[in-house]
Amino acid sequence: MMKSIPVWKQELSDGVHAARLASLYCCAPAETASEAARYAAVLDGLEKTFGSHAEAGLYSAPGRTEIGGNHTDHQHGRVLAGSVNIDMIAAAAPNDKNQLRVQSEGYDLCVIDLNDLEARKEEENTTASLLRGECAAFTQRGAKLAGLDVYISSNVPKGSGVSSSAAFEVLIGVILNDCFMTEKVSPIAIAQIGQWAENVYFGKPCGAQDQLASACGGTVLLDFASAVPQVTPLAFDATGVGYAVVLIDSRQDHSVHTEEFASVPADMRMVANHLGVARLGDTTADVLLANLQDVRAALGDGRAMRALHYFDEVARVDRQREALEAGDFPLFLKCVRLSGASSAQFLQNVSPRDTGSGERQPAMLIQGLCAHLLSEEGAWRIHGGGFGGSVLALVPRAEVADFMETMDKLLGYRACREVVVGGPGVLARRLS
């Protein structure tokens, strides 16, 4: 007896779903065929790993890049960020085991019992902790969870600073939202759920900018002054003004430097508390300067410099927004360069304590090479958590090929990747 083929799978192979899936693709029309092959592959992976399913859903969450506002989100500050045209995709279908089973290509199968959603100390810094936390958060919002199989494929490089972790969190969030929420939550809520799971279950005190940039998509100004972040779309078209966005991977995996990352919000919070508030965003630069000698004496120069970085960086975000709105790209580039310099000099998150060699390079070295190669014709900055990851460079379009070839040669490996900023955020399509 011949095995029946689900209607959705037959239609996919026949190309019927191409138009419906097109909005999931973070790519140019010419690349649609290769993207369709990616989605067909995750559907095949779902079937090979878990068995055939009568129905399935397809989901996407992009990586992100930070354009301004380094380490300001966790202090009620402001950030410029954007999704990029590399993403994490998944196929998901129900199972009858009351388990969330997630298979990511290249990783071990991860299984969560949906009857056991309490945080576990021994699970911190694991995929299981994020899955358990996300499930707990959706349950708290009224989701009636049931068994689900998920197969994930990603071209968002892990640990390189384009936030594969945030893409994973919001990808799981959009799947749970689509499958189990009667009243769907917003992309902002999906991002906040991901942040909460990372804070409480995974054990990393991150802000929410990575998750918001991935979930909301486009280029956005993120304002964290209130409990629900304000998300304002911005026009950012580097190509239109003759520039390319290049990410330069240090191969220094920032995810193994959680302790150093955690010191940044902790130091800023100590200064804020010393000034009588919960976060630096709840006071002003003038108050800090009026109390600077006392802050230095009580907490040390390093923490004082990180607080100064915060206030100057938020002000730069406002100048960047104004520059973009006024069409003043040279001013925008200047602000990007100043942001990179401030992260290096005052925030001091451009390199981990250990040294790089060969496969692992300090991001500070990459910033120095960018300064040498680009001068004031371009811009460069660390982004995200730092202590590794990637450096973002804005390179004149006419020079991008030479820049990437030279940088790769100087670092000794293929470090550069051109990306497009401003694609769609999280997306879901159901096939049945």
Protein backbone atom coordinates (compact mmCIF):
# COMPACT_ATOMS: atom_id res chain seq x y z
CA MET A 1 0.00 0.00 0.00
CA MET A 2 1.46 3.33 -1.03
CA LYS A 3 2.16 5.87 1.71
CA SER A 4 -0.13 8.90 1.34
CA ILE A 5 1.56 12.27 0.83
CA PRO A 6 0.17 15.20 2.87
CA VAL A 7 -1.52 17.76 0.67
CA TRP A 8 0.78 20.55 1.90
CA LYS A 9 3.89 18.57 0.98
CA GLN A 10 2.62 17.73 -2.51
CA GLU A 11 1.65 21.35 -3.12
CA LEU A 12 5.06 22.52 -1.94
CA SER A 13 6.82 20.21 -4.38
CA ASP A 14 4.48 21.40 -7.13
CA GLY A 15 5.29 25.04 -6.37
CA VAL A 16 1.72 25.93 -5.34
CA HIS A 17 2.89 27.42 -2.04
CA ALA A 18 5.64 29.58 -3.56
CA ALA A 19 3.64 32.82 -3.40
CA ARG A 20 2.43 32.09 0.15
CA LEU A 21 5.99 31.39 1.29
CA ALA A 22 7.56 34.35 -0.48
CA SER A 23 6.90 36.68 2.47
CA LEU A 24 8.99 34.38 4.65
CA TYR A 25 12.07 34.93 2.55
CA CYS A 26 14.59 37.55 3.67
CA CYS A 27 16.06 37.68 0.19
CA ALA A 28 15.91 39.16 -3.28
CA PRO A 29 13.45 37.62 -5.80
CA ALA A 30 16.35 35.94 -7.61
CA GLU A 31 17.12 33.96 -4.46
CA THR A 32 13.56 32.67 -3.98
CA ALA A 33 14.35 29.22 -5.39
CA SER A 34 17.19 28.63 -2.93
CA GLU A 35 15.05 29.84 -0.05
CA ALA A 36 12.22 27.52 -1.12
CA ALA A 37 14.74 24.69 -1.00
CA ARG A 38 15.62 25.66 2.59
CA TYR A 39 11.99 25.40 3.65
CA ALA A 40 11.55 22.12 1.80
CA ALA A 41 14.63 20.86 3.67
CA VAL A 42 13.24 21.70 7.11
CA LEU A 43 9.99 19.96 6.22
CA ASP A 44 12.00 16.91 5.19
CA GLY A 45 14.03 17.19 8.38
CA LEU A 46 10.85 17.30 10.44
CA GLU A 47 9.58 14.12 8.81
CA LYS A 48 12.89 12.24 8.99
CA THR A 49 13.42 13.14 12.65
CA PHE A 50 9.92 12.74 14.04
CA GLY A 51 7.89 10.87 11.43
CA SER A 52 5.21 12.05 9.01
CA HIS A 53 2.63 14.67 9.99
CA ALA A 54 -0.70 15.55 8.46
CA GLU A 55 -0.13 19.25 8.97
CA ALA A 56 2.80 21.58 9.57
CA GLY A 57 3.71 25.21 10.08
CA LEU A 58 6.68 27.12 8.71
CA TYR A 59 8.36 29.89 10.70
CA SER A 60 11.19 32.39 10.37
CA ALA A 61 13.13 34.71 12.71
CA PRO A 62 15.99 36.90 11.45
CA GLY A 63 19.32 37.76 12.98
CA ARG A 64 19.85 41.37 13.93
CA THR A 65 22.46 44.07 14.03
CA GLU A 66 22.75 46.98 16.43
CA ILE A 67 23.42 50.33 14.77
CA GLY A 68 23.57 52.51 17.89
CA GLY A 69 23.00 52.28 21.62
CA ASN A 70 25.54 49.73 22.86
CA HIS A 71 24.55 48.43 26.32
CA THR A 72 21.79 50.98 26.89
CA ASP A 73 18.67 48.81 26.69
CA HIS A 74 19.04 47.31 30.18
CA GLN A 75 19.29 50.84 31.66
CA HIS A 76 15.99 52.22 30.21
CA GLY A 77 17.88 53.82 27.31
CA ARG A 78 17.46 53.94 23.53
CA VAL A 79 18.82 51.77 20.71
CA LEU A 80 18.91 51.78 16.92
CA ALA A 81 18.76 48.24 15.55
CA GLY A 82 17.68 46.32 12.50
CA SER A 83 16.95 42.81 11.31
CA VAL A 84 19.33 41.36 8.72
CA ASN A 85 18.90 39.02 5.76
CA ILE A 86 20.12 35.91 7.54
CA ASP A 87 17.58 33.95 9.49
CA MET A 88 16.60 30.88 11.46
CA ILE A 89 13.73 28.85 10.01
CA ALA A 90 11.65 26.00 11.37
CA ALA A 91 8.95 23.49 10.56
CA ALA A 92 6.63 22.45 13.39
CA ALA A 93 3.87 19.88 13.78
CA PRO A 94 1.90 18.36 16.69
CA ASN A 95 2.79 15.15 18.52
CA ASP A 96 0.80 13.10 21.05
CA LYS A 97 3.52 12.88 23.74
CA ASN A 98 2.89 16.14 25.66
CA GLN A 99 6.49 17.08 24.95
CA LEU A 100 8.17 19.92 23.11
CA ARG A 101 10.81 18.18 20.99
CA VAL A 102 13.24 20.46 19.18
CA GLN A 103 15.87 19.30 16.73
CA SER A 104 18.27 21.99 15.49
CA GLU A 105 20.58 20.97 12.66
CA GLY A 106 24.00 20.12 14.06
CA TYR A 107 22.84 19.86 17.67
CA ASP A 108 21.42 17.19 19.96
CA LEU A 109 17.68 16.66 20.21
CA CYS A 110 16.22 18.69 23.08
CA VAL A 111 13.04 17.45 24.80
CA ILE A 112 10.91 19.31 27.36
CA ASP A 113 8.15 17.67 29.39
CA LEU A 114 5.25 20.14 29.28
CA ASN A 115 4.16 19.04 32.75
CA ASP A 116 7.47 20.23 34.21
CA LEU A 117 8.12 23.90 33.50
CA GLU A 118 9.90 25.00 36.68
CA ALA A 119 13.28 26.72 36.33
CA ARG A 120 16.27 24.50 37.09
CA LYS A 121 19.60 25.86 38.29
CA GLU A 122 21.50 22.98 36.70
CA GLU A 123 19.91 23.81 33.31
CA GLU A 124 21.25 27.36 33.10
CA ASN A 125 23.10 28.24 29.89
CA THR A 126 21.40 25.41 27.98
CA THR A 127 18.83 25.23 25.19
CA ALA A 128 16.55 23.28 27.51
CA SER A 129 16.38 26.25 29.89
CA LEU A 130 15.22 28.58 27.11
CA LEU A 131 12.57 26.13 25.90
CA ARG A 132 11.28 25.53 29.41
CA GLY A 133 11.20 29.26 30.13
CA GLU A 134 9.33 30.09 26.92
CA CYS A 135 6.77 27.37 27.60
CA ALA A 136 6.29 28.63 31.17
CA ALA A 137 5.81 32.21 29.94
CA PHE A 138 3.18 31.24 27.36
CA THR A 139 1.39 29.07 29.92
CA GLN A 140 1.21 32.10 32.21
CA ARG A 141 -0.46 33.98 29.36
CA GLY A 142 -3.15 31.35 28.95
CA ALA A 143 -1.65 29.04 26.34
CA LYS A 144 -2.92 25.44 26.45
CA LEU A 145 0.29 23.71 25.43
CA ALA A 146 0.30 20.31 23.78
CA GLY A 147 2.95 18.08 22.24
CA LEU A 148 4.90 19.69 19.42
CA ASP A 149 7.80 18.66 17.18
CA VAL A 150 10.10 21.36 15.79
CA TYR A 151 12.91 21.09 13.27
CA ILE A 152 15.21 24.13 12.91
CA SER A 153 17.77 25.19 10.33
CA SER A 154 19.82 28.36 10.63
CA ASN A 155 22.26 30.48 8.66
CA VAL A 156 22.67 32.86 11.62
CA PRO A 157 26.19 32.06 12.87
CA LYS A 158 26.36 31.17 16.57
CA GLY A 159 28.33 33.44 18.87
CA SER A 160 29.20 35.94 16.15
CA GLY A 161 27.21 38.88 17.48
CA VAL A 162 24.19 38.79 15.15
CA SER A 163 22.19 37.22 17.96
CA SER A 164 21.47 33.64 17.08
CA SER A 165 20.20 33.25 20.65
CA ALA A 166 17.59 36.00 20.23
CA ALA A 167 16.56 34.59 16.84
CA PHE A 168 16.10 31.19 18.49
CA GLU A 169 14.06 32.66 21.34
CA VAL A 170 11.69 34.63 19.14
CA LEU A 171 11.43 31.72 16.69
CA ILE A 172 10.23 29.45 19.50
CA GLY A 173 7.99 32.28 20.66
CA VAL A 174 6.28 32.76 17.29
CA ILE A 175 5.76 28.97 17.02
CA LEU A 176 4.14 28.72 20.48
CA ASN A 177 2.10 31.84 19.77
CA ASP A 178 0.85 30.48 16.45
CA CYS A 179 0.09 27.00 17.70
CA PHE A 180 -1.33 27.57 21.18
CA MET A 181 -2.53 31.13 21.78
CA THR A 182 -6.18 31.87 21.04
CA GLU A 183 -5.52 35.58 21.40
CA LYS A 184 -2.16 36.08 19.72
CA VAL A 185 0.46 38.17 21.50
CA SER A 186 2.35 40.92 19.68
CA PRO A 187 5.92 40.72 18.34
CA ILE A 188 6.91 43.00 21.23
CA ALA A 189 5.46 40.51 23.72
CA ILE A 190 7.23 37.64 21.95
CA ALA A 191 10.50 39.55 22.35
CA GLN A 192 9.84 40.22 26.04
CA ILE A 193 9.06 36.55 26.62
CA GLY A 194 12.40 35.64 25.04
CA GLN A 195 14.22 38.13 27.23
CA TRP A 196 12.46 36.83 30.35
CA ALA A 197 13.38 33.24 29.53
CA GLU A 198 17.01 34.27 28.99
CA ASN A 199 17.10 36.27 32.24
CA VAL A 200 15.24 33.88 34.54
CA TYR A 201 15.83 30.41 33.09
CA PHE A 202 19.04 30.72 31.06
CA GLY A 203 20.73 32.97 33.61
CA LYS A 204 21.99 35.83 31.41
CA PRO A 205 21.00 39.40 32.43
CA CYS A 206 20.42 40.69 28.90
CA GLY A 207 18.21 43.54 27.79
CA ALA A 208 15.51 43.11 25.14
CA GLN A 209 16.97 44.92 22.13
CA ASP A 210 18.17 41.77 20.33
CA GLN A 211 14.82 40.04 20.66
CA LEU A 212 12.88 43.16 19.66
CA ALA A 213 14.97 43.78 16.54
CA SER A 214 14.45 40.17 15.45
CA ALA A 215 10.76 40.02 16.32
CA CYS A 216 9.72 43.40 14.90
CA GLY A 217 11.98 43.49 11.85
CA GLY A 218 12.94 46.50 9.76
CA THR A 219 15.14 49.26 11.16
CA VAL A 220 13.77 50.56 14.44
CA LEU A 221 14.36 53.01 17.25
CA LEU A 222 13.79 51.14 20.52
CA ASP A 223 12.97 53.19 23.62
CA PHE A 224 13.13 51.28 26.91
CA ALA A 225 11.94 54.08 29.22
CA SER A 226 8.66 52.29 29.98
CA ALA A 227 7.75 48.71 30.92
CA VAL A 228 6.58 48.06 27.35
CA PRO A 229 9.32 49.23 24.96
CA GLN A 230 8.33 51.75 22.31
CA VAL A 231 9.23 50.63 18.79
CA THR A 232 9.48 53.30 16.07
CA PRO A 233 10.28 52.30 12.47
CA LEU A 234 13.06 54.29 10.78
CA ALA A 235 14.17 54.60 7.17
CA PHE A 236 17.69 53.22 6.77
CA ASP A 237 18.95 52.37 3.31
CA ALA A 238 22.74 52.13 3.26
CA THR A 239 22.74 50.92 -0.35
CA GLY A 240 20.72 53.93 -1.45
CA VAL A 241 23.44 56.31 -0.24
CA GLY A 242 26.29 54.25 -1.66
CA TYR A 243 27.32 52.13 1.32
CA ALA A 244 27.41 48.45 2.21
CA VAL A 245 26.91 46.96 5.68
CA VAL A 246 29.64 44.44 6.47
CA LEU A 247 29.82 42.25 9.57
CA ILE A 248 33.32 41.14 10.55
CA ASP A 249 33.36 38.03 12.73
CA SER A 250 36.03 37.95 15.44
CA ARG A 251 35.48 34.21 15.94
CA GLN A 252 35.73 35.06 19.62
CA ASP A 253 32.45 33.45 20.72
CA HIS A 254 30.84 36.02 22.98
CA SER A 255 28.52 33.42 24.48
CA VAL A 256 31.38 32.00 26.55
CA HIS A 257 32.01 35.39 28.17
CA THR A 258 28.72 35.70 30.07
CA GLU A 259 30.48 36.73 33.28
CA GLU A 260 32.18 39.67 31.58
CA PHE A 261 28.94 40.60 29.79
CA ALA A 262 27.03 40.51 33.10
CA SER A 263 29.50 42.92 34.67
CA VAL A 264 28.32 45.74 32.37
CA PRO A 265 24.67 45.98 33.51
CA ALA A 266 25.77 45.21 37.07
CA ASP A 267 28.28 48.08 37.07
CA MET A 268 25.79 50.51 35.55
CA ARG A 269 23.14 49.47 38.05
CA MET A 270 25.55 50.04 40.93
CA VAL A 271 26.13 53.61 39.76
CA ALA A 272 22.40 54.16 39.31
CA ASN A 273 21.66 52.82 42.80
CA HIS A 274 24.39 55.06 44.24
CA LEU A 275 22.56 57.99 42.62
CA GLY A 276 19.27 56.85 44.16
CA VAL A 277 17.55 55.30 41.13
CA ALA A 278 17.01 51.80 39.72
CA ARG A 279 18.56 52.39 36.29
CA LEU A 280 20.75 55.06 34.73
CA GLY A 281 17.89 56.01 32.43
CA ASP A 282 15.98 57.17 35.51
CA THR A 283 18.47 59.99 36.15
CA THR A 284 20.53 62.39 34.02
CA ALA A 285 24.11 62.98 32.97
CA ASP A 286 24.10 66.23 34.96
CA VAL A 287 23.31 64.31 38.16
CA LEU A 288 26.14 61.88 37.45
CA LEU A 289 28.62 64.69 36.82
CA ALA A 290 27.55 66.52 39.97
CA ASN A 291 28.30 63.37 41.95
CA LEU A 292 31.19 62.07 39.87
CA GLN A 293 33.91 62.33 42.50
CA ASP A 294 31.75 60.50 45.02
CA VAL A 295 30.89 57.79 42.47
CA ARG A 296 34.58 57.34 41.61
CA ALA A 297 35.59 57.13 45.26
CA ALA A 298 32.83 54.66 46.16
CA LEU A 299 32.67 52.49 43.03
CA GLY A 300 35.86 53.07 41.06
CA ASP A 301 36.76 54.71 37.75
CA GLY A 302 35.71 51.73 35.60
CA ARG A 303 32.09 51.91 36.71
CA ALA A 304 32.06 55.70 36.40
CA MET A 305 33.31 55.44 32.80
CA ARG A 306 30.64 52.87 31.93
CA ALA A 307 28.00 55.25 33.27
CA LEU A 308 29.42 58.12 31.21
CA HIS A 309 29.32 55.88 28.15
CA TYR A 310 25.62 55.20 28.79
CA PHE A 311 24.58 58.87 28.77
CA ASP A 312 26.73 59.80 25.78
CA GLU A 313 25.57 56.73 23.84
CA VAL A 314 21.87 57.51 24.35
CA ALA A 315 22.52 61.07 23.17
CA ARG A 316 24.28 59.65 20.08
CA VAL A 317 21.28 57.47 19.28
CA ASP A 318 19.14 60.60 19.19
CA ARG A 319 21.66 62.30 16.89
CA GLN A 320 21.73 59.23 14.62
CA ARG A 321 17.96 59.26 14.34
CA GLU A 322 17.97 62.97 13.53
CA ALA A 323 20.72 62.49 10.97
CA LEU A 324 18.80 59.73 9.20
CA GLU A 325 15.61 61.75 9.17
CA ALA A 326 17.49 64.77 7.78
CA GLY A 327 19.34 62.71 5.16
CA ASP A 328 22.70 63.67 6.70
CA PHE A 329 24.61 60.41 6.22
CA PRO A 330 28.07 61.89 6.99
CA LEU A 331 26.80 62.90 10.45
CA PHE A 332 25.31 59.45 10.88
CA LEU A 333 28.68 57.84 10.03
CA LYS A 334 30.45 60.13 12.50
CA CYS A 335 28.05 59.03 15.26
CA VAL A 336 28.70 55.37 14.44
CA ARG A 337 32.47 55.93 14.72
CA LEU A 338 32.04 57.76 18.04
CA SER A 339 29.89 54.91 19.32
CA GLY A 340 32.60 52.39 18.48
CA ALA A 341 35.24 54.53 20.17
CA SER A 342 33.13 54.96 23.30
CA SER A 343 32.57 51.21 23.60
CA ALA A 344 36.32 50.68 23.32
CA GLN A 345 37.48 53.47 25.64
CA PHE A 346 34.77 53.78 28.28
CA LEU A 347 32.45 50.76 28.14
CA GLN A 348 35.46 48.49 27.53
CA ASN A 349 33.58 45.57 25.99
CA VAL A 350 35.49 45.20 22.74
CA SER A 351 37.75 42.34 23.84
CA PRO A 352 37.65 39.61 26.51
CA ARG A 353 40.37 39.26 29.11
CA ASP A 354 42.16 36.48 27.24
CA THR A 355 44.08 37.18 24.06
CA GLY A 356 43.19 36.19 20.52
CA SER A 357 45.36 34.30 18.09
CA GLY A 358 44.70 32.71 14.74
CA GLU A 359 41.12 31.53 14.94
CA ARG A 360 40.09 34.01 17.66
CA GLN A 361 40.67 37.74 17.28
CA PRO A 362 39.96 40.58 19.74
CA ALA A 363 37.23 42.80 18.33
CA MET A 364 39.41 45.78 19.28
CA LEU A 365 41.98 44.62 16.71
CA ILE A 366 39.25 44.49 14.07
CA GLN A 367 38.10 48.00 14.98
CA GLY A 368 41.70 49.20 14.63
CA LEU A 369 41.99 47.62 11.18
CA CYS A 370 38.67 49.22 10.16
CA ALA A 371 39.99 52.62 11.24
CA HIS A 372 43.16 52.06 9.21
CA LEU A 373 41.36 50.86 6.07
CA LEU A 374 38.36 53.19 6.09
CA SER A 375 39.39 56.36 7.91
CA GLU A 376 36.51 58.87 7.81
CA GLU A 377 35.11 57.45 4.57
CA GLY A 378 33.28 54.74 6.53
CA ALA A 379 32.36 53.76 10.07
CA TRP A 380 32.74 50.85 12.48
CA ARG A 381 31.59 49.77 15.92
CA ILE A 382 31.22 46.76 18.18
CA HIS A 383 27.59 45.83 18.63
CA GLY A 384 25.51 43.73 20.95
CA GLY A 385 27.07 42.31 24.09
CA GLY A 386 30.66 42.60 22.87
CA PHE A 387 33.64 40.71 24.31
CA GLY A 388 33.80 39.01 20.92
CA GLY A 389 31.10 38.62 18.32
CA SER A 390 31.20 40.89 15.27
CA VAL A 391 32.19 44.41 14.35
CA LEU A 392 29.77 46.30 12.10
CA ALA A 393 31.37 48.33 9.32
CA LEU A 394 29.77 50.76 6.89
CA VAL A 395 31.90 50.65 3.74
CA PRO A 396 31.65 52.73 0.55
CA ARG A 397 30.03 50.51 -2.07
CA ALA A 398 32.87 51.02 -4.54
CA GLU A 399 35.41 49.77 -1.98
CA VAL A 400 33.54 46.88 -0.40
CA ALA A 401 35.15 44.06 -2.38
CA ASP A 402 38.68 45.29 -1.70
CA PHE A 403 37.85 45.97 1.95
CA MET A 404 36.50 42.48 2.55
CA GLU A 405 39.39 40.79 0.72
CA THR A 406 41.98 42.81 2.66
CA MET A 407 40.30 42.29 6.03
CA ASP A 408 40.02 38.53 5.47
CA LYS A 409 43.69 38.38 4.49
CA LEU A 410 44.80 40.39 7.55
CA LEU A 411 42.81 38.22 9.94
CA GLY A 412 43.74 34.96 8.25
CA TYR A 413 40.25 33.58 7.71
CA ARG A 414 36.98 34.47 5.98
CA ALA A 415 35.72 37.03 8.47
CA CYS A 416 33.58 39.42 6.40
CA ARG A 417 29.96 39.03 5.42
CA GLU A 418 27.89 41.66 3.65
CA VAL A 419 24.33 41.88 4.96
CA VAL A 420 21.18 43.82 4.14
CA VAL A 421 19.55 45.59 7.07
CA GLY A 422 15.79 45.98 7.41
CA GLY A 423 14.08 42.76 6.34
CA PRO A 424 10.95 41.25 7.90
CA GLY A 425 10.70 40.18 11.53
CA VAL A 426 9.21 36.93 12.79
CA LEU A 427 6.78 35.25 10.42
CA ALA A 428 4.49 32.24 10.48
CA ARG A 429 2.68 30.32 7.72
CA ARG A 430 0.58 27.22 8.26
CA LEU A 431 0.39 24.45 5.65
CA SER A 432 -2.42 21.93 5.76
